[in-house]
Amino acid sequence: MTLNCDNETIRDNSFTFQQFISFLKDKKVYVQTHNYPDPDAIGSGFGLQKLLEHFGIDTTLCYYGKIDRVNTRKMIEMLGIEIVSKDDIEDQMKPHDCIICIDSQKLGGNIIDLAGDEVACIDHHPTVEIVDYFYKDVRMVGSCATIVSGYYEQLNIRPSVNAATAMLYGLQMDTSGFTRGVTDADIHAFAFLHPFIDQKILSSLEQNLMEFKDLQAYGAAISNIQIYDNIGFAFIPFPCQDALIAITCDFILSLEEVYVAIVYSKRDSGYKFSVRSEENASDIDCGIMVSESLKDIGTGGGHSFMAGGFVPIENIKKLGNNPDEAIIQRFMHVKDSMSEH
């Protein structure tokens, strides 16, 4: 069954969430975020974990990569969130164990394949590869936490203070303070969650979002930014974590002359990209732009206003003697093609 309400809901199975809960009974369950999880991935994963706990289903919240942002680490500490690295569980996980992909989808390009069986995904990103799940709930909303909070409301269950705070913080961060990709469902989720949150903790999380080391990335981006037809390109010539690349991209997007920002960082394994656009850049779909620009040398995808990509180190040589210029030409060619249509 497929439901599509104003492009906000896509469900390709006939199982209800209640039936999914019954399916999980007496099973070993993992809730897996996307790699290098952000507040929305962790907040929605934690919210789902606590909801399933209400029905006697114990879960392990897990991820791959690093949690490198100071505000995300504060969130985990202040809200008592237990989340473990895949390195801590890979010897324990069995092929028949259940995995719920949260804020992510199997084969989506930003989630590592673990040993268990991906039985479900709950996400707000466009589907890249079709996967047969027992339960799938993908909605084009601003935050995955919006979807999870809806389960609480649907089942008439009051979220705990910490779960509500985590989900609301994830919602605020993924929508950039309700200025990016916001839908009516996100506003409704805010209204539902707000009475249950700890305002003092939320206020603390919204302060001191940067560390001193973050200034290096900003400095590198500022020193080599190039702007072509209101598209800002910036190369960071040293390894940066995903979250910092994205934040630097948002910083470039804040320039008056820029309505699409493309920032990429050099890593030992390749080039990591972040692409952002203003809401009024209607002729540019960031997910399509990065996918088309990197299609024969790497991977990419995401939302129309927020996306990411990666080019493996072995493919950098395909960009010739001047990789930066080649990257700009690729993106500008796709931009021109999109504008024509």
C-alpha atoms as a PDB file:
ATOM      1  CA  MET A   1       0.000   0.000   0.000  1.00  0.00           C
ATOM      2  CA  THR A   2       1.273   3.475  -0.832  1.00  0.00           C
ATOM      3  CA  LEU A   3      -0.037   6.615   0.801  1.00  0.00           C
ATOM      4  CA  ASN A   4       1.001  10.023  -0.507  1.00  0.00           C
ATOM      5  CA  CYS A   5      -0.367  13.071   1.313  1.00  0.00           C
ATOM      6  CA  ASP A   6       0.935  16.269  -0.259  1.00  0.00           C
ATOM      7  CA  ASN A   7       4.257  14.495  -0.939  1.00  0.00           C
ATOM      8  CA  GLU A   8       4.790  14.111   2.804  1.00  0.00           C
ATOM      9  CA  THR A   9       4.137  10.402   3.331  1.00  0.00           C
ATOM     10  CA  ILE A  10       5.340   7.334   1.479  1.00  0.00           C
ATOM     11  CA  ARG A  11       4.670   3.885   2.914  1.00  0.00           C
ATOM     12  CA  ASP A  12       5.130   0.884   0.662  1.00  0.00           C
ATOM     13  CA  ASN A  13       3.790  -1.853   2.939  1.00  0.00           C
ATOM     14  CA  SER A  14       0.431  -2.637   4.529  1.00  0.00           C
ATOM     15  CA  PHE A  15       1.717  -3.234   8.056  1.00  0.00           C
ATOM     16  CA  THR A  16       0.757  -0.774  10.742  1.00  0.00           C
ATOM     17  CA  PHE A  17       3.194   0.437  13.366  1.00  0.00           C
ATOM     18  CA  GLN A  18       1.273  -1.585  15.973  1.00  0.00           C
ATOM     19  CA  GLN A  19       1.767  -4.735  13.897  1.00  0.00           C
ATOM     20  CA  PHE A  20       5.437  -3.891  13.628  1.00  0.00           C
ATOM     21  CA  ILE A  21       5.665  -3.682  17.421  1.00  0.00           C
ATOM     22  CA  SER A  22       4.142  -7.165  17.668  1.00  0.00           C
ATOM     23  CA  PHE A  23       6.643  -8.431  15.097  1.00  0.00           C
ATOM     24  CA  LEU A  24       9.552  -7.240  17.251  1.00  0.00           C
ATOM     25  CA  LYS A  25       8.424  -9.032  20.396  1.00  0.00           C
ATOM     26  CA  ASP A  26      11.028 -11.477  21.771  1.00  0.00           C
ATOM     27  CA  LYS A  27      13.607 -10.452  19.163  1.00  0.00           C
ATOM     28  CA  LYS A  28      17.029  -8.865  19.544  1.00  0.00           C
ATOM     29  CA  VAL A  29      16.607  -5.375  18.132  1.00  0.00           C
ATOM     30  CA  TYR A  30      19.129  -2.723  17.084  1.00  0.00           C
ATOM     31  CA  VAL A  31      18.231   0.845  16.119  1.00  0.00           C
ATOM     32  CA  GLN A  32      20.908   1.988  13.668  1.00  0.00           C
ATOM     33  CA  THR A  33      21.442   5.644  12.760  1.00  0.00           C
ATOM     34  CA  HIS A  34      23.213   6.904   9.675  1.00  0.00           C
ATOM     35  CA  ASN A  35      27.000   7.148   9.866  1.00  0.00           C
ATOM     36  CA  TYR A  36      28.413  10.041  11.907  1.00  0.00           C
ATOM     37  CA  PRO A  37      24.979  10.682  13.478  1.00  0.00           C
ATOM     38  CA  ASP A  38      23.631  14.183  14.045  1.00  0.00           C
ATOM     39  CA  PRO A  39      21.094  15.332  16.665  1.00  0.00           C
ATOM     40  CA  ASP A  40      18.082  14.338  14.559  1.00  0.00           C
ATOM     41  CA  ALA A  41      19.384  10.798  14.000  1.00  0.00           C
ATOM     42  CA  ILE A  42      20.202  10.385  17.687  1.00  0.00           C
ATOM     43  CA  GLY A  43      17.062  12.149  18.918  1.00  0.00           C
ATOM     44  CA  SER A  44      14.710  10.133  16.719  1.00  0.00           C
ATOM     45  CA  GLY A  45      16.596   6.907  17.489  1.00  0.00           C
ATOM     46  CA  PHE A  46      16.414   7.585  21.230  1.00  0.00           C
ATOM     47  CA  GLY A  47      12.738   8.500  20.969  1.00  0.00           C
ATOM     48  CA  LEU A  48      12.008   5.252  19.127  1.00  0.00           C
ATOM     49  CA  GLN A  49      14.060   3.272  21.649  1.00  0.00           C
ATOM     50  CA  LYS A  50      12.061   4.671  24.562  1.00  0.00           C
ATOM     51  CA  LEU A  51       8.763   4.090  22.759  1.00  0.00           C
ATOM     52  CA  LEU A  52       9.577   0.432  22.108  1.00  0.00           C
ATOM     53  CA  GLU A  53      10.697   0.126  25.722  1.00  0.00           C
ATOM     54  CA  HIS A  54       7.138   1.071  26.691  1.00  0.00           C
ATOM     55  CA  PHE A  55       6.009  -2.175  25.006  1.00  0.00           C
ATOM     56  CA  GLY A  56       8.680  -4.312  26.670  1.00  0.00           C
ATOM     57  CA  ILE A  57      11.046  -4.311  23.682  1.00  0.00           C
ATOM     58  CA  ASP A  58      14.663  -3.647  24.595  1.00  0.00           C
ATOM     59  CA  THR A  59      16.851  -2.158  21.862  1.00  0.00           C
ATOM     60  CA  THR A  60      20.448  -1.117  21.314  1.00  0.00           C
ATOM     61  CA  LEU A  61      20.999   2.275  19.687  1.00  0.00           C
ATOM     62  CA  CYS A  62      24.087   2.076  17.470  1.00  0.00           C
ATOM     63  CA  TYR A  63      26.078   3.932  14.826  1.00  0.00           C
ATOM     64  CA  TYR A  64      29.258   3.907  12.761  1.00  0.00           C
ATOM     65  CA  GLY A  65      31.855   6.675  12.622  1.00  0.00           C
ATOM     66  CA  LYS A  66      32.432   9.421  15.155  1.00  0.00           C
ATOM     67  CA  ILE A  67      30.262  11.759  17.170  1.00  0.00           C
ATOM     68  CA  ASP A  68      32.467  14.789  16.812  1.00  0.00           C
ATOM     69  CA  ARG A  69      30.232  17.823  17.344  1.00  0.00           C
ATOM     70  CA  VAL A  70      30.307  19.354  20.806  1.00  0.00           C
ATOM     71  CA  ASN A  71      26.540  19.937  20.915  1.00  0.00           C
ATOM     72  CA  THR A  72      25.824  16.333  19.905  1.00  0.00           C
ATOM     73  CA  ARG A  73      28.104  15.012  22.632  1.00  0.00           C
ATOM     74  CA  LYS A  74      26.408  17.342  25.127  1.00  0.00           C
ATOM     75  CA  MET A  75      23.031  16.046  24.000  1.00  0.00           C
ATOM     76  CA  ILE A  76      24.042  12.452  24.675  1.00  0.00           C
ATOM     77  CA  GLU A  77      25.482  13.270  28.083  1.00  0.00           C
ATOM     78  CA  MET A  78      22.745  15.593  29.343  1.00  0.00           C
ATOM     79  CA  LEU A  79      19.850  13.399  28.213  1.00  0.00           C
ATOM     80  CA  GLY A  80      21.335  10.085  29.321  1.00  0.00           C
ATOM     81  CA  ILE A  81      21.362   8.558  25.852  1.00  0.00           C
ATOM     82  CA  GLU A  82      23.133   5.217  25.538  1.00  0.00           C
ATOM     83  CA  ILE A  83      24.481   4.829  21.999  1.00  0.00           C
ATOM     84  CA  VAL A  84      27.235   2.416  21.031  1.00  0.00           C
ATOM     85  CA  SER A  85      29.672   2.193  18.150  1.00  0.00           C
ATOM     86  CA  LYS A  86      29.427  -0.705  15.730  1.00  0.00           C
ATOM     87  CA  ASP A  87      32.900  -1.726  16.923  1.00  0.00           C
ATOM     88  CA  ASP A  88      31.388  -2.543  20.321  1.00  0.00           C
ATOM     89  CA  ILE A  89      28.640  -4.790  18.973  1.00  0.00           C
ATOM     90  CA  GLU A  90      29.880  -6.398  15.760  1.00  0.00           C
ATOM     91  CA  ASP A  91      30.991  -9.548  17.611  1.00  0.00           C
ATOM     92  CA  GLN A  92      27.574  -9.841  19.280  1.00  0.00           C
ATOM     93  CA  MET A  93      25.237  -9.179  16.357  1.00  0.00           C
ATOM     94  CA  LYS A  94      23.806 -12.215  14.591  1.00  0.00           C
ATOM     95  CA  PRO A  95      22.338 -12.388  11.043  1.00  0.00           C
ATOM     96  CA  HIS A  96      18.823 -12.985  12.406  1.00  0.00           C
ATOM     97  CA  ASP A  97      18.926  -9.976  14.761  1.00  0.00           C
ATOM     98  CA  CYS A  98      16.591  -7.166  13.729  1.00  0.00           C
ATOM     99  CA  ILE A  99      17.875  -3.764  12.616  1.00  0.00           C
ATOM    100  CA  ILE A 100      15.686  -0.669  12.351  1.00  0.00           C
ATOM    101  CA  CYS A 101      17.323   1.970  10.167  1.00  0.00           C
ATOM    102  CA  ILE A 102      16.489   5.351  11.677  1.00  0.00           C
ATOM    103  CA  ASP A 103      17.007   8.626   9.783  1.00  0.00           C
ATOM    104  CA  SER A 104      18.549   6.392   7.118  1.00  0.00           C
ATOM    105  CA  GLN A 105      17.870   3.603   4.652  1.00  0.00           C
ATOM    106  CA  LYS A 106      19.826   0.499   3.725  1.00  0.00           C
ATOM    107  CA  LEU A 107      21.953   1.111   0.609  1.00  0.00           C
ATOM    108  CA  GLY A 108      21.303   4.824   1.029  1.00  0.00           C
ATOM    109  CA  GLY A 109      25.003   5.666   0.790  1.00  0.00           C
ATOM    110  CA  ASN A 110      25.448   6.906   4.343  1.00  0.00           C
ATOM    111  CA  ILE A 111      24.922   3.808   6.467  1.00  0.00           C
ATOM    112  CA  ILE A 112      27.263   0.894   7.013  1.00  0.00           C
ATOM    113  CA  ASP A 113      25.948  -2.629   6.393  1.00  0.00           C
ATOM    114  CA  LEU A 114      25.896  -4.521   9.695  1.00  0.00           C
ATOM    115  CA  ALA A 115      25.491  -8.267  10.186  1.00  0.00           C
ATOM    116  CA  GLY A 116      21.832  -8.157  11.231  1.00  0.00           C
ATOM    117  CA  ASP A 117      18.656  -8.118   9.155  1.00  0.00           C
ATOM    118  CA  GLU A 118      17.320  -4.663   8.237  1.00  0.00           C
ATOM    119  CA  VAL A 119      13.625  -5.270   8.882  1.00  0.00           C
ATOM    120  CA  ALA A 120      12.518  -1.641   8.902  1.00  0.00           C
ATOM    121  CA  CYS A 121      13.404   1.926   8.051  1.00  0.00           C
ATOM    122  CA  ILE A 122      11.974   5.142   9.415  1.00  0.00           C
ATOM    123  CA  ASP A 123      13.360   8.071   7.497  1.00  0.00           C
ATOM    124  CA  HIS A 124      12.756  11.446   5.855  1.00  0.00           C
ATOM    125  CA  HIS A 125      15.276  11.205   3.009  1.00  0.00           C
ATOM    126  CA  PRO A 126      14.440  10.237  -0.580  1.00  0.00           C
ATOM    127  CA  THR A 127      14.833   6.528  -1.340  1.00  0.00           C
ATOM    128  CA  VAL A 128      17.952   5.702  -3.366  1.00  0.00           C
ATOM    129  CA  GLU A 129      17.655   1.904  -3.544  1.00  0.00           C
ATOM    130  CA  ILE A 130      14.440  -0.072  -3.096  1.00  0.00           C
ATOM    131  CA  VAL A 131      14.726  -2.530  -0.207  1.00  0.00           C
ATOM    132  CA  ASP A 132      12.106  -5.020   0.956  1.00  0.00           C
ATOM    133  CA  TYR A 133      11.461  -4.191   4.628  1.00  0.00           C
ATOM    134  CA  PHE A 134       8.831  -5.609   6.938  1.00  0.00           C
ATOM    135  CA  TYR A 135       7.991  -2.025   7.857  1.00  0.00           C
ATOM    136  CA  LYS A 136       8.864   1.157   5.985  1.00  0.00           C
ATOM    137  CA  ASP A 137       7.839   4.702   6.851  1.00  0.00           C
ATOM    138  CA  VAL A 138       9.490   7.371   4.701  1.00  0.00           C
ATOM    139  CA  ARG A 139       8.021  10.860   4.804  1.00  0.00           C
ATOM    140  CA  MET A 140       9.243  14.017   3.130  1.00  0.00           C
ATOM    141  CA  VAL A 141       9.261  16.096   6.295  1.00  0.00           C
ATOM    142  CA  GLY A 142      11.943  18.294   7.845  1.00  0.00           C
ATOM    143  CA  SER A 143      13.026  15.863  10.543  1.00  0.00           C
ATOM    144  CA  CYS A 144      12.935  12.150  11.290  1.00  0.00           C
ATOM    145  CA  ALA A 145      12.010  13.061  14.878  1.00  0.00           C
ATOM    146  CA  THR A 146       8.729  14.399  13.469  1.00  0.00           C
ATOM    147  CA  ILE A 147       7.821  10.883  12.341  1.00  0.00           C
ATOM    148  CA  VAL A 148       8.750   9.249  15.648  1.00  0.00           C
ATOM    149  CA  SER A 149       6.888  11.846  17.714  1.00  0.00           C
ATOM    150  CA  GLY A 150       3.845  11.042  15.605  1.00  0.00           C
ATOM    151  CA  TYR A 151       3.911   7.458  16.842  1.00  0.00           C
ATOM    152  CA  TYR A 152       3.663   8.696  20.426  1.00  0.00           C
ATOM    153  CA  GLU A 153       0.690  10.861  19.551  1.00  0.00           C
ATOM    154  CA  GLN A 154      -0.951   8.126  17.498  1.00  0.00           C
ATOM    155  CA  LEU A 155      -0.650   5.633  20.364  1.00  0.00           C
ATOM    156  CA  ASN A 156      -1.619   8.223  22.999  1.00  0.00           C
ATOM    157  CA  ILE A 157       1.672   7.729  24.875  1.00  0.00           C
ATOM    158  CA  ARG A 158       3.335  10.595  26.690  1.00  0.00           C
ATOM    159  CA  PRO A 159       7.068  10.771  25.870  1.00  0.00           C
ATOM    160  CA  SER A 160       9.531  10.994  28.745  1.00  0.00           C
ATOM    161  CA  VAL A 161      11.095  14.404  29.360  1.00  0.00           C
ATOM    162  CA  ASN A 162      14.445  13.293  27.949  1.00  0.00           C
ATOM    163  CA  ALA A 163      12.916  11.612  24.882  1.00  0.00           C
ATOM    164  CA  ALA A 164      10.769  14.660  24.118  1.00  0.00           C
ATOM    165  CA  THR A 165      13.731  17.013  24.558  1.00  0.00           C
ATOM    166  CA  ALA A 166      15.951  14.868  22.329  1.00  0.00           C
ATOM    167  CA  MET A 167      13.351  14.702  19.569  1.00  0.00           C
ATOM    168  CA  LEU A 168      12.563  18.414  19.713  1.00  0.00           C
ATOM    169  CA  TYR A 169      16.253  19.298  19.611  1.00  0.00           C
ATOM    170  CA  GLY A 170      16.765  17.010  16.604  1.00  0.00           C
ATOM    171  CA  LEU A 171      13.775  18.649  14.917  1.00  0.00           C
ATOM    172  CA  GLN A 172      15.144  22.136  15.527  1.00  0.00           C
ATOM    173  CA  MET A 173      18.626  21.243  14.303  1.00  0.00           C
ATOM    174  CA  ASP A 174      17.556  19.470  11.120  1.00  0.00           C
ATOM    175  CA  THR A 175      15.259  22.313  10.113  1.00  0.00           C
ATOM    176  CA  SER A 176      17.840  24.951  11.118  1.00  0.00           C
ATOM    177  CA  GLY A 177      15.484  26.525  13.620  1.00  0.00           C
ATOM    178  CA  PHE A 178      12.394  25.924  11.468  1.00  0.00           C
ATOM    179  CA  THR A 179      13.815  27.822   8.501  1.00  0.00           C
ATOM    180  CA  ARG A 180      14.705  24.888   6.219  1.00  0.00           C
ATOM    181  CA  GLY A 181      12.522  22.140   4.765  1.00  0.00           C
ATOM    182  CA  VAL A 182       9.726  22.738   7.263  1.00  0.00           C
ATOM    183  CA  THR A 183       6.309  21.142   6.723  1.00  0.00           C
ATOM    184  CA  ASP A 184       3.029  21.385   8.604  1.00  0.00           C
ATOM    185  CA  ALA A 185       3.868  18.028  10.175  1.00  0.00           C
ATOM    186  CA  ASP A 186       7.041  19.481  11.714  1.00  0.00           C
ATOM    187  CA  ILE A 187       5.122  22.379  13.232  1.00  0.00           C
ATOM    188  CA  HIS A 188       2.573  19.925  14.608  1.00  0.00           C
ATOM    189  CA  ALA A 189       5.371  17.791  16.087  1.00  0.00           C
ATOM    190  CA  PHE A 190       6.830  20.843  17.807  1.00  0.00           C
ATOM    191  CA  ALA A 191       3.451  21.648  19.342  1.00  0.00           C
ATOM    192  CA  PHE A 192       3.041  18.054  20.532  1.00  0.00           C
ATOM    193  CA  LEU A 193       6.529  17.721  22.047  1.00  0.00           C
ATOM    194  CA  HIS A 194       6.999  21.156  23.577  1.00  0.00           C
ATOM    195  CA  PRO A 195       4.856  20.643  26.728  1.00  0.00           C
ATOM    196  CA  PHE A 196       7.007  17.647  27.733  1.00  0.00           C
ATOM    197  CA  ILE A 197      10.541  19.001  27.278  1.00  0.00           C
ATOM    198  CA  ASP A 198      13.173  20.272  29.705  1.00  0.00           C
ATOM    199  CA  GLN A 199      13.605  23.863  28.567  1.00  0.00           C
ATOM    200  CA  LYS A 200      16.806  24.382  30.575  1.00  0.00           C
ATOM    201  CA  ILE A 201      18.516  21.445  28.873  1.00  0.00           C
ATOM    202  CA  LEU A 202      17.281  22.554  25.459  1.00  0.00           C
ATOM    203  CA  SER A 203      18.621  26.075  26.024  1.00  0.00           C
ATOM    204  CA  SER A 204      21.988  24.673  27.127  1.00  0.00           C
ATOM    205  CA  LEU A 205      22.239  22.552  23.976  1.00  0.00           C
ATOM    206  CA  GLU A 206      21.599  25.614  21.816  1.00  0.00           C
ATOM    207  CA  GLN A 207      24.638  27.398  23.274  1.00  0.00           C
ATOM    208  CA  ASN A 208      28.357  26.846  22.586  1.00  0.00           C
ATOM    209  CA  LEU A 209      27.838  24.938  19.350  1.00  0.00           C
ATOM    210  CA  MET A 210      31.433  25.306  18.168  1.00  0.00           C
ATOM    211  CA  GLU A 211      34.897  24.297  19.326  1.00  0.00           C
ATOM    212  CA  PHE A 212      38.120  26.166  18.620  1.00  0.00           C
ATOM    213  CA  LYS A 213      39.239  23.545  16.084  1.00  0.00           C
ATOM    214  CA  ASP A 214      36.131  24.317  14.007  1.00  0.00           C
ATOM    215  CA  LEU A 215      37.614  27.707  13.141  1.00  0.00           C
ATOM    216  CA  GLN A 216      40.270  25.996  11.022  1.00  0.00           C
ATOM    217  CA  ALA A 217      37.614  24.714   8.633  1.00  0.00           C
ATOM    218  CA  TYR A 218      35.924  28.106   8.486  1.00  0.00           C
ATOM    219  CA  GLY A 219      39.267  29.767   7.810  1.00  0.00           C
ATOM    220  CA  ALA A 220      40.136  27.345   5.011  1.00  0.00           C
ATOM    221  CA  ALA A 221      36.719  27.773   3.405  1.00  0.00           C
ATOM    222  CA  ILE A 222      36.895  31.563   3.583  1.00  0.00           C
ATOM    223  CA  SER A 223      40.395  31.670   2.092  1.00  0.00           C
ATOM    224  CA  ASN A 224      39.531  29.811  -1.094  1.00  0.00           C
ATOM    225  CA  ILE A 225      35.822  30.378  -1.727  1.00  0.00           C
ATOM    226  CA  GLN A 226      34.895  30.889  -5.370  1.00  0.00           C
ATOM    227  CA  ILE A 227      31.489  32.083  -6.561  1.00  0.00           C
ATOM    228  CA  TYR A 228      30.020  31.377  -9.998  1.00  0.00           C
ATOM    229  CA  ASP A 229      26.433  32.398 -10.827  1.00  0.00           C
ATOM    230  CA  ASN A 230      25.514  32.555  -7.138  1.00  0.00           C
ATOM    231  CA  ILE A 231      26.997  29.120  -6.440  1.00  0.00           C
ATOM    232  CA  GLY A 232      29.718  29.166  -3.797  1.00  0.00           C
ATOM    233  CA  PHE A 233      32.478  26.543  -3.877  1.00  0.00           C
ATOM    234  CA  ALA A 234      34.936  26.026  -1.022  1.00  0.00           C
ATOM    235  CA  PHE A 235      37.645  23.380  -0.573  1.00  0.00           C
ATOM    236  CA  ILE A 236      38.914  22.365   2.876  1.00  0.00           C
ATOM    237  CA  PRO A 237      42.392  20.855   2.259  1.00  0.00           C
ATOM    238  CA  PHE A 238      42.415  18.679   5.370  1.00  0.00           C
ATOM    239  CA  PRO A 239      40.127  16.003   6.875  1.00  0.00           C
ATOM    240  CA  CYS A 240      36.874  17.260   8.414  1.00  0.00           C
ATOM    241  CA  GLN A 241      34.056  15.274   9.959  1.00  0.00           C
ATOM    242  CA  ASP A 242      30.705  15.264   8.149  1.00  0.00           C
ATOM    243  CA  ALA A 243      28.975  17.557  10.634  1.00  0.00           C
ATOM    244  CA  LEU A 244      31.663  20.226  10.400  1.00  0.00           C
ATOM    245  CA  ILE A 245      31.627  20.162   6.590  1.00  0.00           C
ATOM    246  CA  ALA A 246      27.851  20.636   6.681  1.00  0.00           C
ATOM    247  CA  ILE A 247      28.070  23.519   9.154  1.00  0.00           C
ATOM    248  CA  THR A 248      30.767  25.186   7.043  1.00  0.00           C
ATOM    249  CA  CYS A 249      28.492  24.764   4.032  1.00  0.00           C
ATOM    250  CA  ASP A 250      25.673  26.501   5.912  1.00  0.00           C
ATOM    251  CA  PHE A 251      28.103  29.305   6.714  1.00  0.00           C
ATOM    252  CA  ILE A 252      28.962  29.774   3.017  1.00  0.00           C
ATOM    253  CA  LEU A 253      25.250  29.715   2.185  1.00  0.00           C
ATOM    254  CA  SER A 254      24.701  32.649   4.560  1.00  0.00           C
ATOM    255  CA  LEU A 255      26.585  34.954   2.151  1.00  0.00           C
ATOM    256  CA  GLU A 256      24.252  37.338   0.343  1.00  0.00           C
ATOM    257  CA  GLU A 257      25.762  36.447  -3.049  1.00  0.00           C
ATOM    258  CA  VAL A 258      25.301  32.675  -2.609  1.00  0.00           C
ATOM    259  CA  TYR A 259      22.099  30.657  -2.978  1.00  0.00           C
ATOM    260  CA  VAL A 260      23.797  27.257  -3.453  1.00  0.00           C
ATOM    261  CA  ALA A 261      26.859  26.258  -1.411  1.00  0.00           C
ATOM    262  CA  ILE A 262      29.197  23.352  -2.193  1.00  0.00           C
ATOM    263  CA  VAL A 263      31.923  22.510   0.325  1.00  0.00           C
ATOM    264  CA  TYR A 264      34.235  19.516   0.146  1.00  0.00           C
ATOM    265  CA  SER A 265      36.987  18.197   2.380  1.00  0.00           C
ATOM    266  CA  LYS A 266      40.065  16.169   1.482  1.00  0.00           C
ATOM    267  CA  ARG A 267      40.405  12.914   3.409  1.00  0.00           C
ATOM    268  CA  ASP A 268      42.795   9.998   3.121  1.00  0.00           C
ATOM    269  CA  SER A 269      39.908   7.978   1.672  1.00  0.00           C
ATOM    270  CA  GLY A 270      38.683  10.623  -0.785  1.00  0.00           C
ATOM    271  CA  TYR A 271      36.678  13.863  -1.043  1.00  0.00           C
ATOM    272  CA  LYS A 272      33.592  14.348   1.135  1.00  0.00           C
ATOM    273  CA  PHE A 273      30.965  16.825  -0.165  1.00  0.00           C
ATOM    274  CA  SER A 274      28.162  18.836   1.410  1.00  0.00           C
ATOM    275  CA  VAL A 275      25.662  20.772  -0.713  1.00  0.00           C
ATOM    276  CA  ARG A 276      23.078  23.263   0.553  1.00  0.00           C
ATOM    277  CA  SER A 277      20.618  25.580  -1.147  1.00  0.00           C
ATOM    278  CA  GLU A 278      18.218  28.313  -0.120  1.00  0.00           C
ATOM    279  CA  GLU A 279      14.550  27.413  -0.136  1.00  0.00           C
ATOM    280  CA  ASN A 280      13.898  29.789  -3.052  1.00  0.00           C
ATOM    281  CA  ALA A 281      16.453  28.067  -5.303  1.00  0.00           C
ATOM    282  CA  SER A 282      13.584  26.255  -6.994  1.00  0.00           C
ATOM    283  CA  ASP A 283      15.586  25.347 -10.108  1.00  0.00           C
ATOM    284  CA  ILE A 284      18.216  23.485  -8.057  1.00  0.00           C
ATOM    285  CA  ASP A 285      17.644  20.099  -6.405  1.00  0.00           C
ATOM    286  CA  CYS A 286      20.738  19.469  -4.275  1.00  0.00           C
ATOM    287  CA  GLY A 287      20.217  15.703  -4.172  1.00  0.00           C
ATOM    288  CA  ILE A 288      20.019  15.454  -7.956  1.00  0.00           C
ATOM    289  CA  MET A 289      22.813  17.987  -8.436  1.00  0.00           C
ATOM    290  CA  VAL A 290      25.392  16.111  -6.360  1.00  0.00           C
ATOM    291  CA  SER A 291      24.287  12.715  -7.687  1.00  0.00           C
ATOM    292  CA  GLU A 292      24.613  13.827 -11.332  1.00  0.00           C
ATOM    293  CA  SER A 293      27.850  15.760 -10.767  1.00  0.00           C
ATOM    294  CA  LEU A 294      29.605  12.767  -9.182  1.00  0.00           C
ATOM    295  CA  LYS A 295      27.810   9.875 -10.877  1.00  0.00           C
ATOM    296  CA  ASP A 296      30.777   8.358 -12.739  1.00  0.00           C
ATOM    297  CA  ILE A 297      33.388   9.010 -10.052  1.00  0.00           C
ATOM    298  CA  GLY A 298      31.518   8.717  -6.747  1.00  0.00           C
ATOM    299  CA  THR A 299      28.143   8.730  -5.037  1.00  0.00           C
ATOM    300  CA  GLY A 300      25.743  11.385  -3.793  1.00  0.00           C
ATOM    301  CA  GLY A 301      22.170  12.214  -2.939  1.00  0.00           C
ATOM    302  CA  GLY A 302      19.821  13.687  -0.372  1.00  0.00           C
ATOM    303  CA  HIS A 303      17.095  16.300  -0.038  1.00  0.00           C
ATOM    304  CA  SER A 304      16.321  18.981  -2.597  1.00  0.00           C
ATOM    305  CA  PHE A 305      17.830  21.599  -0.267  1.00  0.00           C
ATOM    306  CA  MET A 306      20.461  19.544   1.592  1.00  0.00           C
ATOM    307  CA  ALA A 307      22.634  16.714   0.261  1.00  0.00           C
ATOM    308  CA  GLY A 308      26.014  15.044   0.435  1.00  0.00           C
ATOM    309  CA  GLY A 309      28.439  13.039  -1.669  1.00  0.00           C
ATOM    310  CA  PHE A 310      31.743  11.216  -1.745  1.00  0.00           C
ATOM    311  CA  VAL A 311      34.488  10.549  -4.303  1.00  0.00           C
ATOM    312  CA  PRO A 312      36.872   7.687  -3.403  1.00  0.00           C
ATOM    313  CA  ILE A 313      40.576   8.531  -3.484  1.00  0.00           C
ATOM    314  CA  GLU A 314      41.226   6.161  -6.383  1.00  0.00           C
ATOM    315  CA  ASN A 315      38.829   8.177  -8.568  1.00  0.00           C
ATOM    316  CA  ILE A 316      40.337  11.590  -7.865  1.00  0.00           C
ATOM    317  CA  LYS A 317      42.829  10.994 -10.671  1.00  0.00           C
ATOM    318  CA  LYS A 318      39.900  10.983 -13.104  1.00  0.00           C
ATOM    319  CA  LEU A 319      39.538  14.692 -12.359  1.00  0.00           C
ATOM    320  CA  GLY A 320      42.868  15.430 -14.058  1.00  0.00           C
ATOM    321  CA  ASN A 321      45.686  17.723 -12.973  1.00  0.00           C
ATOM    322  CA  ASN A 322      43.361  20.343 -11.497  1.00  0.00           C
ATOM    323  CA  PRO A 323      40.691  18.496  -9.469  1.00  0.00           C
ATOM    324  CA  ASP A 324      39.173  21.674  -8.016  1.00  0.00           C
ATOM    325  CA  GLU A 325      38.549  23.175 -11.434  1.00  0.00           C
ATOM    326  CA  ALA A 326      37.133  19.879 -12.699  1.00  0.00           C
ATOM    327  CA  ILE A 327      34.742  19.679  -9.747  1.00  0.00           C
ATOM    328  CA  ILE A 328      33.491  23.217 -10.369  1.00  0.00           C
ATOM    329  CA  GLN A 329      32.966  22.466 -14.066  1.00  0.00           C
ATOM    330  CA  ARG A 330      31.009  19.300 -13.244  1.00  0.00           C
ATOM    331  CA  PHE A 331      28.650  21.055 -10.858  1.00  0.00           C
ATOM    332  CA  MET A 332      28.184  24.072 -13.117  1.00  0.00           C
ATOM    333  CA  HIS A 333      27.378  21.832 -16.083  1.00  0.00           C
ATOM    334  CA  VAL A 334      24.677  20.060 -14.063  1.00  0.00           C
ATOM    335  CA  LYS A 335      23.419  23.393 -12.738  1.00  0.00           C
ATOM    336  CA  ASP A 336      23.040  24.743 -16.282  1.00  0.00           C
ATOM    337  CA  SER A 337      21.189  21.572 -17.355  1.00  0.00           C
ATOM    338  CA  MET A 338      18.801  21.835 -14.397  1.00  0.00           C
ATOM    339  CA  SER A 339      18.128  25.508 -15.082  1.00  0.00           C
ATOM    340  CA  GLU A 340      17.238  24.741 -18.699  1.00  0.00           C
ATOM    341  CA  HIS A 341      14.557  22.345 -17.543  1.00  0.00           C
END
